[in-house]
Amino acid sequence: MLDLPKVVLVGDVQVLIENHRGIMVYTPELVKVSTTIGDLAVAGTDLVLKNILPDEIMVEGRIKSVIFTG
């Protein structure tokens, strides 16, 4: 398997991020996660981390955007 992140978006309420390298920023408006291809920024309101495992993170709340940054 490639060393790439897998991002699953469920509507505008949940994001599942697999194959991450750690959480960089965590606020109710922004969750930034490090991945092998750059940082992944999840922006929204009332964001909470529902699941934090060594290989996956689940973010829930009102998702406004999911962006890979360099």
PDB file of N, CA and C in Angstrom:
ATOM      1  N   MET A   1       0.841  -1.188   0.000  1.00  0.00           N
ATOM      2  CA  MET A   1       0.000   0.000   0.000  1.00  0.00           C
ATOM      3  C   MET A   1       0.881   1.246   0.000  1.00  0.00           C
ATOM      4  N   LEU A   2       0.460   2.241  -0.727  1.00  0.00           N
ATOM      5  CA  LEU A   2       1.183   3.498  -0.774  1.00  0.00           C
ATOM      6  C   LEU A   2       1.093   4.206   0.568  1.00  0.00           C
ATOM      7  N   ASP A   3       2.071   5.023   0.840  1.00  0.00           N
ATOM      8  CA  ASP A   3       2.116   5.767   2.096  1.00  0.00           C
ATOM      9  C   ASP A   3       1.359   7.087   1.936  1.00  0.00           C
ATOM     10  N   LEU A   4       0.093   6.992   1.518  1.00  0.00           N
ATOM     11  CA  LEU A   4      -0.733   8.165   1.269  1.00  0.00           C
ATOM     12  C   LEU A   4      -1.870   8.240   2.270  1.00  0.00           C
ATOM     13  N   PRO A   5      -2.316   9.465   2.598  1.00  0.00           N
ATOM     14  CA  PRO A   5      -3.457   9.584   3.504  1.00  0.00           C
ATOM     15  C   PRO A   5      -4.758   9.221   2.791  1.00  0.00           C
ATOM     16  N   LYS A   6      -5.702   8.726   3.565  1.00  0.00           N
ATOM     17  CA  LYS A   6      -7.047   8.460   3.052  1.00  0.00           C
ATOM     18  C   LYS A   6      -7.985   9.387   3.821  1.00  0.00           C
ATOM     19  N   VAL A   7      -8.771  10.169   3.089  1.00  0.00           N
ATOM     20  CA  VAL A   7      -9.687  11.128   3.698  1.00  0.00           C
ATOM     21  C   VAL A   7     -11.095  10.787   3.252  1.00  0.00           C
ATOM     22  N   VAL A   8     -11.980  10.535   4.221  1.00  0.00           N
ATOM     23  CA  VAL A   8     -13.376  10.213   3.928  1.00  0.00           C
ATOM     24  C   VAL A   8     -14.232  11.303   4.555  1.00  0.00           C
ATOM     25  N   LEU A   9     -15.012  11.979   3.726  1.00  0.00           N
ATOM     26  CA  LEU A   9     -15.899  13.041   4.177  1.00  0.00           C
ATOM     27  C   LEU A   9     -17.330  12.520   4.169  1.00  0.00           C
ATOM     28  N   VAL A  10     -18.001  12.630   5.306  1.00  0.00           N
ATOM     29  CA  VAL A  10     -19.400  12.199   5.427  1.00  0.00           C
ATOM     30  C   VAL A  10     -20.253  13.459   5.556  1.00  0.00           C
ATOM     31  N   GLY A  11     -20.878  13.828   4.447  1.00  0.00           N
ATOM     32  CA  GLY A  11     -21.675  15.054   4.437  1.00  0.00           C
ATOM     33  C   GLY A  11     -20.821  16.239   4.835  1.00  0.00           C
ATOM     34  N   ASP A  12     -21.387  17.103   5.683  1.00  0.00           N
ATOM     35  CA  ASP A  12     -20.616  18.224   6.211  1.00  0.00           C
ATOM     36  C   ASP A  12     -20.473  18.113   7.724  1.00  0.00           C
ATOM     37  N   VAL A  13     -20.524  16.852   8.227  1.00  0.00           N
ATOM     38  CA  VAL A  13     -20.488  16.660   9.680  1.00  0.00           C
ATOM     39  C   VAL A  13     -19.334  15.792  10.181  1.00  0.00           C
ATOM     40  N   GLN A  14     -18.613  15.101   9.286  1.00  0.00           N
ATOM     41  CA  GLN A  14     -17.576  14.179   9.765  1.00  0.00           C
ATOM     42  C   GLN A  14     -16.474  13.999   8.721  1.00  0.00           C
ATOM     43  N   VAL A  15     -15.225  13.962   9.204  1.00  0.00           N
ATOM     44  CA  VAL A  15     -14.073  13.671   8.350  1.00  0.00           C
ATOM     45  C   VAL A  15     -13.250  12.590   9.031  1.00  0.00           C
ATOM     46  N   LEU A  16     -12.952  11.515   8.301  1.00  0.00           N
ATOM     47  CA  LEU A  16     -12.087  10.447   8.785  1.00  0.00           C
ATOM     48  C   LEU A  16     -10.767  10.556   8.029  1.00  0.00           C
ATOM     49  N   ILE A  17      -9.665  10.665   8.771  1.00  0.00           N
ATOM     50  CA  ILE A  17      -8.338  10.799   8.175  1.00  0.00           C
ATOM     51  C   ILE A  17      -7.515   9.593   8.594  1.00  0.00           C
ATOM     52  N   GLU A  18      -7.117   8.786   7.622  1.00  0.00           N
ATOM     53  CA  GLU A  18      -6.286   7.612   7.894  1.00  0.00           C
ATOM     54  C   GLU A  18      -4.871   7.862   7.408  1.00  0.00           C
ATOM     55  N   ASN A  19      -3.902   7.204   8.031  1.00  0.00           N
ATOM     56  CA  ASN A  19      -2.491   7.284   7.671  1.00  0.00           C
ATOM     57  C   ASN A  19      -1.949   8.699   7.871  1.00  0.00           C
ATOM     58  N   HIS A  20      -2.164   9.249   9.068  1.00  0.00           N
ATOM     59  CA  HIS A  20      -1.699  10.588   9.404  1.00  0.00           C
ATOM     60  C   HIS A  20      -0.373  10.514  10.162  1.00  0.00           C
ATOM     61  N   ARG A  21       0.216  11.676  10.373  1.00  0.00           N
ATOM     62  CA  ARG A  21       1.484  11.751  11.111  1.00  0.00           C
ATOM     63  C   ARG A  21       1.377  12.616  12.360  1.00  0.00           C
ATOM     64  N   GLY A  22       0.164  12.933  12.773  1.00  0.00           N
ATOM     65  CA  GLY A  22      -0.016  13.688  14.007  1.00  0.00           C
ATOM     66  C   GLY A  22      -0.840  14.948  13.826  1.00  0.00           C
ATOM     67  N   ILE A  23      -1.343  15.442  14.963  1.00  0.00           N
ATOM     68  CA  ILE A  23      -2.162  16.649  14.987  1.00  0.00           C
ATOM     69  C   ILE A  23      -1.249  17.842  15.229  1.00  0.00           C
ATOM     70  N   MET A  24      -1.390  18.867  14.403  1.00  0.00           N
ATOM     71  CA  MET A  24      -0.567  20.072  14.532  1.00  0.00           C
ATOM     72  C   MET A  24      -1.325  21.207  15.214  1.00  0.00           C
ATOM     73  N   VAL A  25      -2.611  21.360  14.873  1.00  0.00           N
ATOM     74  CA  VAL A  25      -3.446  22.418  15.437  1.00  0.00           C
ATOM     75  C   VAL A  25      -4.808  21.820  15.755  1.00  0.00           C
ATOM     76  N   TYR A  26      -5.348  22.197  16.935  1.00  0.00           N
ATOM     77  CA  TYR A  26      -6.688  21.732  17.290  1.00  0.00           C
ATOM     78  C   TYR A  26      -7.424  22.852  18.013  1.00  0.00           C
ATOM     79  N   THR A  27      -8.389  23.453  17.323  1.00  0.00           N
ATOM     80  CA  THR A  27      -9.274  24.450  17.906  1.00  0.00           C
ATOM     81  C   THR A  27     -10.693  24.117  17.449  1.00  0.00           C
ATOM     82  N   PRO A  28     -11.707  24.748  18.031  1.00  0.00           N
ATOM     83  CA  PRO A  28     -13.079  24.489  17.571  1.00  0.00           C
ATOM     84  C   PRO A  28     -13.342  24.917  16.118  1.00  0.00           C
ATOM     85  N   GLU A  29     -12.441  25.729  15.543  1.00  0.00           N
ATOM     86  CA  GLU A  29     -12.621  26.199  14.175  1.00  0.00           C
ATOM     87  C   GLU A  29     -11.639  25.576  13.181  1.00  0.00           C
ATOM     88  N   LEU A  30     -10.560  24.954  13.662  1.00  0.00           N
ATOM     89  CA  LEU A  30      -9.543  24.422  12.758  1.00  0.00           C
ATOM     90  C   LEU A  30      -8.864  23.201  13.371  1.00  0.00           C
ATOM     91  N   VAL A  31      -8.757  22.140  12.556  1.00  0.00           N
ATOM     92  CA  VAL A  31      -7.951  20.972  12.919  1.00  0.00           C
ATOM     93  C   VAL A  31      -6.966  20.784  11.774  1.00  0.00           C
ATOM     94  N   LYS A  32      -5.667  20.839  12.100  1.00  0.00           N
ATOM     95  CA  LYS A  32      -4.636  20.658  11.087  1.00  0.00           C
ATOM     96  C   LYS A  32      -3.854  19.401  11.433  1.00  0.00           C
ATOM     97  N   VAL A  33      -3.762  18.489  10.446  1.00  0.00           N
ATOM     98  CA  VAL A  33      -3.129  17.189  10.626  1.00  0.00           C
ATOM     99  C   VAL A  33      -1.975  17.057   9.635  1.00  0.00           C
ATOM    100  N   SER A  34      -0.858  16.541  10.087  1.00  0.00           N
ATOM    101  CA  SER A  34       0.288  16.310   9.219  1.00  0.00           C
ATOM    102  C   SER A  34       0.105  14.981   8.485  1.00  0.00           C
ATOM    103  N   THR A  35       0.437  14.971   7.184  1.00  0.00           N
ATOM    104  CA  THR A  35       0.392  13.750   6.386  1.00  0.00           C
ATOM    105  C   THR A  35       1.669  13.671   5.556  1.00  0.00           C
ATOM    106  N   THR A  36       1.845  12.575   4.858  1.00  0.00           N
ATOM    107  CA  THR A  36       3.040  12.376   4.043  1.00  0.00           C
ATOM    108  C   THR A  36       3.103  13.300   2.837  1.00  0.00           C
ATOM    109  N   ILE A  37       1.967  13.866   2.427  1.00  0.00           N
ATOM    110  CA  ILE A  37       1.952  14.745   1.253  1.00  0.00           C
ATOM    111  C   ILE A  37       1.680  16.205   1.628  1.00  0.00           C
ATOM    112  N   GLY A  38       1.801  16.548   2.890  1.00  0.00           N
ATOM    113  CA  GLY A  38       1.562  17.909   3.352  1.00  0.00           C
ATOM    114  C   GLY A  38       0.571  17.920   4.488  1.00  0.00           C
ATOM    115  N   ASP A  39       0.183  19.115   4.879  1.00  0.00           N
ATOM    116  CA  ASP A  39      -0.772  19.263   5.975  1.00  0.00           C
ATOM    117  C   ASP A  39      -2.191  19.249   5.432  1.00  0.00           C
ATOM    118  N   LEU A  40      -3.099  18.699   6.236  1.00  0.00           N
ATOM    119  CA  LEU A  40      -4.514  18.675   5.892  1.00  0.00           C
ATOM    120  C   LEU A  40      -5.235  19.562   6.895  1.00  0.00           C
ATOM    121  N   ALA A  41      -5.889  20.614   6.398  1.00  0.00           N
ATOM    122  CA  ALA A  41      -6.606  21.552   7.256  1.00  0.00           C
ATOM    123  C   ALA A  41      -8.111  21.326   7.118  1.00  0.00           C
ATOM    124  N   VAL A  42      -8.752  21.056   8.252  1.00  0.00           N
ATOM    125  CA  VAL A  42     -10.206  20.919   8.294  1.00  0.00           C
ATOM    126  C   VAL A  42     -10.731  22.145   9.026  1.00  0.00           C
ATOM    127  N   ALA A  43     -11.511  22.980   8.331  1.00  0.00           N
ATOM    128  CA  ALA A  43     -12.050  24.196   8.917  1.00  0.00           C
ATOM    129  C   ALA A  43     -13.555  24.062   9.080  1.00  0.00           C
ATOM    130  N   GLY A  44     -14.076  24.692  10.123  1.00  0.00           N
ATOM    131  CA  GLY A  44     -15.510  24.645  10.364  1.00  0.00           C
ATOM    132  C   GLY A  44     -15.846  25.256  11.700  1.00  0.00           C
ATOM    133  N   THR A  45     -16.955  24.814  12.275  1.00  0.00           N
ATOM    134  CA  THR A  45     -17.378  25.289  13.588  1.00  0.00           C
ATOM    135  C   THR A  45     -17.710  24.088  14.463  1.00  0.00           C
ATOM    136  N   ASP A  46     -17.515  24.269  15.753  1.00  0.00           N
ATOM    137  CA  ASP A  46     -17.795  23.217  16.749  1.00  0.00           C
ATOM    138  C   ASP A  46     -17.063  21.917  16.439  1.00  0.00           C
ATOM    139  N   LEU A  47     -15.818  22.004  15.953  1.00  0.00           N
ATOM    140  CA  LEU A  47     -15.048  20.811  15.607  1.00  0.00           C
ATOM    141  C   LEU A  47     -14.535  20.120  16.867  1.00  0.00           C
ATOM    142  N   VAL A  48     -14.689  18.802  16.905  1.00  0.00           N
ATOM    143  CA  VAL A  48     -14.192  17.990  18.014  1.00  0.00           C
ATOM    144  C   VAL A  48     -13.522  16.742  17.444  1.00  0.00           C
ATOM    145  N   LEU A  49     -12.522  16.255  18.156  1.00  0.00           N
ATOM    146  CA  LEU A  49     -11.870  15.007  17.780  1.00  0.00           C
ATOM    147  C   LEU A  49     -12.614  13.875  18.456  1.00  0.00           C
ATOM    148  N   LYS A  50     -13.273  13.034  17.685  1.00  0.00           N
ATOM    149  CA  LYS A  50     -14.055  11.926  18.233  1.00  0.00           C
ATOM    150  C   LYS A  50     -13.226  10.666  18.395  1.00  0.00           C
ATOM    151  N   ASN A  51     -12.231  10.506  17.549  1.00  0.00           N
ATOM    152  CA  ASN A  51     -11.423   9.293  17.560  1.00  0.00           C
ATOM    153  C   ASN A  51      -9.983   9.684  17.269  1.00  0.00           C
ATOM    154  N   ILE A  52      -9.063   9.286  18.140  1.00  0.00           N
ATOM    155  CA  ILE A  52      -7.649   9.525  17.888  1.00  0.00           C
ATOM    156  C   ILE A  52      -6.928   8.207  18.099  1.00  0.00           C
ATOM    157  N   LEU A  53      -6.511   7.605  16.994  1.00  0.00           N
ATOM    158  CA  LEU A  53      -5.778   6.348  17.027  1.00  0.00           C
ATOM    159  C   LEU A  53      -4.451   6.548  16.302  1.00  0.00           C
ATOM    160  N   PRO A  54      -3.500   5.639  16.465  1.00  0.00           N
ATOM    161  CA  PRO A  54      -2.211   5.798  15.777  1.00  0.00           C
ATOM    162  C   PRO A  54      -2.323   5.907  14.259  1.00  0.00           C
ATOM    163  N   ASP A  55      -3.375   5.321  13.678  1.00  0.00           N
ATOM    164  CA  ASP A  55      -3.493   5.349  12.217  1.00  0.00           C
ATOM    165  C   ASP A  55      -4.709   6.113  11.708  1.00  0.00           C
ATOM    166  N   GLU A  56      -5.573   6.637  12.598  1.00  0.00           N
ATOM    167  CA  GLU A  56      -6.733   7.375  12.117  1.00  0.00           C
ATOM    168  C   GLU A  56      -7.215   8.415  13.126  1.00  0.00           C
ATOM    169  N   ILE A  57      -7.804   9.458  12.579  1.00  0.00           N
ATOM    170  CA  ILE A  57      -8.401  10.537  13.375  1.00  0.00           C
ATOM    171  C   ILE A  57      -9.781  10.810  12.792  1.00  0.00           C
ATOM    172  N   MET A  58     -10.773  10.983  13.670  1.00  0.00           N
ATOM    173  CA  MET A  58     -12.107  11.352  13.221  1.00  0.00           C
ATOM    174  C   MET A  58     -12.452  12.725  13.794  1.00  0.00           C
ATOM    175  N   VAL A  59     -12.816  13.647  12.897  1.00  0.00           N
ATOM    176  CA  VAL A  59     -13.206  14.998  13.277  1.00  0.00           C
ATOM    177  C   VAL A  59     -14.695  15.144  13.000  1.00  0.00           C
ATOM    178  N   GLU A  60     -15.427  15.654  13.994  1.00  0.00           N
ATOM    179  CA  GLU A  60     -16.857  15.896  13.812  1.00  0.00           C
ATOM    180  C   GLU A  60     -17.168  17.345  14.128  1.00  0.00           C
ATOM    181  N   GLY A  61     -18.227  17.844  13.537  1.00  0.00           N
ATOM    182  CA  GLY A  61     -18.672  19.222  13.717  1.00  0.00           C
ATOM    183  C   GLY A  61     -19.308  19.700  12.434  1.00  0.00           C
ATOM    184  N   ARG A  62     -19.342  20.991  12.257  1.00  0.00           N
ATOM    185  CA  ARG A  62     -19.881  21.573  11.026  1.00  0.00           C
ATOM    186  C   ARG A  62     -18.697  21.875  10.107  1.00  0.00           C
ATOM    187  N   ILE A  63     -18.446  20.987   9.130  1.00  0.00           N
ATOM    188  CA  ILE A  63     -17.284  21.086   8.250  1.00  0.00           C
ATOM    189  C   ILE A  63     -17.559  22.111   7.149  1.00  0.00           C
ATOM    190  N   LYS A  64     -16.657  23.076   7.010  1.00  0.00           N
ATOM    191  CA  LYS A  64     -16.786  24.079   5.950  1.00  0.00           C
ATOM    192  C   LYS A  64     -15.807  23.814   4.802  1.00  0.00           C
ATOM    193  N   SER A  65     -14.582  23.301   5.130  1.00  0.00           N
ATOM    194  CA  SER A  65     -13.625  23.020   4.070  1.00  0.00           C
ATOM    195  C   SER A  65     -12.607  22.003   4.540  1.00  0.00           C
ATOM    196  N   VAL A  66     -12.059  21.261   3.574  1.00  0.00           N
ATOM    197  CA  VAL A  66     -10.977  20.303   3.794  1.00  0.00           C
ATOM    198  C   VAL A  66      -9.947  20.594   2.714  1.00  0.00           C
ATOM    199  N   ILE A  67      -8.755  21.046   3.135  1.00  0.00           N
ATOM    200  CA  ILE A  67      -7.756  21.527   2.175  1.00  0.00           C
ATOM    201  C   ILE A  67      -6.379  20.943   2.496  1.00  0.00           C
ATOM    202  N   PHE A  68      -5.697  20.449   1.468  1.00  0.00           N
ATOM    203  CA  PHE A  68      -4.291  20.069   1.606  1.00  0.00           C
ATOM    204  C   PHE A  68      -3.449  21.316   1.391  1.00  0.00           C
ATOM    205  N   THR A  69      -2.509  21.558   2.319  1.00  0.00           N
ATOM    206  CA  THR A  69      -1.604  22.698   2.186  1.00  0.00           C
ATOM    207  C   THR A  69      -0.184  22.201   2.098  1.00  0.00           C
ATOM    208  N   GLY A  70       0.689  22.968   1.514  1.00  0.00           N
ATOM    209  CA  GLY A  70       2.063  22.553   1.313  1.00  0.00           C
ATOM    210  C   GLY A  70       2.989  22.802   2.424  1.00  0.00           C
TER     211      GLY A  70
END
